[in-house]
Amino acid sequence: MAARDGSRCFYCWIPFDDPADGTLDHYVPLCMWRTSKPWNFVLACQPCNNAKADRLPWPLVWLLLAGARPEAGQLAA
């Protein structure tokens, strides 16, 4: 993951002295989408990984909500 994403926490961007200090986090939580493909893993520091836990990251939530919004002038059902 460090070769792909850099040797820093994906969430807070604090660099790791050693990439082995990071933890692997499922970007989309395993409890929501049962996949362990490499693209679903990010390198995270322990505090960020613990804080995110089994929740979706906010940028992904915003994208999902933006795609679900009705067009301007239309009423939601």
Protein backbone atom coordinates (compact mmCIF):
# COMPACT_ATOMS: atom_id res chain seq x y z
CA MET A 1 0.00 0.00 0.00
CA ALA A 2 2.85 2.42 0.80
CA ALA A 3 4.20 2.06 -2.75
CA ARG A 4 0.76 2.90 -4.16
CA ASP A 5 -0.45 5.59 -1.72
CA GLY A 6 2.75 6.92 -0.17
CA SER A 7 4.11 6.25 3.27
CA ARG A 8 1.52 8.28 5.19
CA CYS A 9 -1.90 7.85 6.75
CA PHE A 10 -4.62 7.99 4.11
CA TYR A 11 -6.91 10.01 6.41
CA CYS A 12 -4.71 12.49 8.33
CA TRP A 13 -1.71 12.46 5.95
CA ILE A 14 0.82 12.18 8.78
CA PRO A 15 3.86 10.39 7.35
CA PHE A 16 5.09 7.11 8.82
CA ASP A 17 8.75 6.75 9.79
CA ASP A 18 8.31 3.11 8.78
CA PRO A 19 5.32 1.96 6.63
CA ALA A 20 5.09 -1.08 8.91
CA ASP A 21 3.83 1.32 11.61
CA GLY A 22 0.61 1.77 9.61
CA THR A 23 -2.45 -0.44 9.67
CA LEU A 24 -4.51 -1.67 6.73
CA ASP A 25 -8.02 -0.29 6.69
CA HIS A 26 -10.91 -1.37 4.49
CA TYR A 27 -11.93 1.93 2.83
CA VAL A 28 -15.45 0.56 2.36
CA PRO A 29 -15.96 -1.39 5.60
CA LEU A 30 -15.98 -5.15 5.34
CA CYS A 31 -19.30 -5.26 7.20
CA MET A 32 -20.88 -3.24 4.35
CA TRP A 33 -19.16 -4.82 1.37
CA ARG A 34 -17.51 -8.19 1.82
CA THR A 35 -14.45 -7.70 -0.38
CA SER A 36 -10.78 -7.75 0.42
CA LYS A 37 -9.53 -6.57 -2.97
CA PRO A 38 -6.33 -4.47 -2.86
CA TRP A 39 -8.15 -1.33 -4.09
CA ASN A 40 -10.34 -1.41 -0.97
CA PHE A 41 -7.36 -1.17 1.41
CA VAL A 42 -5.66 2.02 2.53
CA LEU A 43 -2.75 2.56 4.89
CA ALA A 44 -3.91 4.30 8.08
CA CYS A 45 -2.46 5.19 11.44
CA GLN A 46 -3.98 3.34 14.39
CA PRO A 47 -5.91 6.38 15.76
CA CYS A 48 -7.52 7.11 12.36
CA ASN A 49 -8.31 3.44 11.75
CA ASN A 50 -9.94 3.18 15.18
CA ALA A 51 -11.88 6.44 14.71
CA LYS A 52 -13.27 5.38 11.31
CA ALA A 53 -14.13 1.89 12.59
CA ASP A 54 -16.97 0.34 10.52
CA ARG A 55 -18.23 3.59 9.01
CA LEU A 56 -17.99 4.90 5.49
CA PRO A 57 -15.50 7.74 5.06
CA TRP A 58 -17.20 11.13 4.62
CA PRO A 59 -15.94 11.80 1.07
CA LEU A 60 -17.58 8.57 -0.06
CA VAL A 61 -20.81 9.45 1.76
CA TRP A 62 -20.87 12.87 0.06
CA LEU A 63 -20.43 11.28 -3.37
CA LEU A 64 -23.20 8.78 -2.72
CA LEU A 65 -25.56 11.48 -1.49
CA ALA A 66 -24.74 13.79 -4.41
CA GLY A 67 -25.64 11.01 -6.84
CA ALA A 68 -28.94 10.41 -5.05
CA ARG A 69 -30.10 14.06 -5.09
CA PRO A 70 -32.98 14.89 -7.39
CA GLU A 71 -32.30 17.36 -10.19
CA ALA A 72 -33.01 21.02 -9.51
CA GLY A 73 -36.72 21.78 -9.71
CA GLN A 74 -37.80 18.18 -9.05
CA LEU A 75 -39.43 17.10 -5.83
CA ALA A 76 -38.13 14.06 -4.00
CA ALA A 77 -40.62 11.23 -3.71
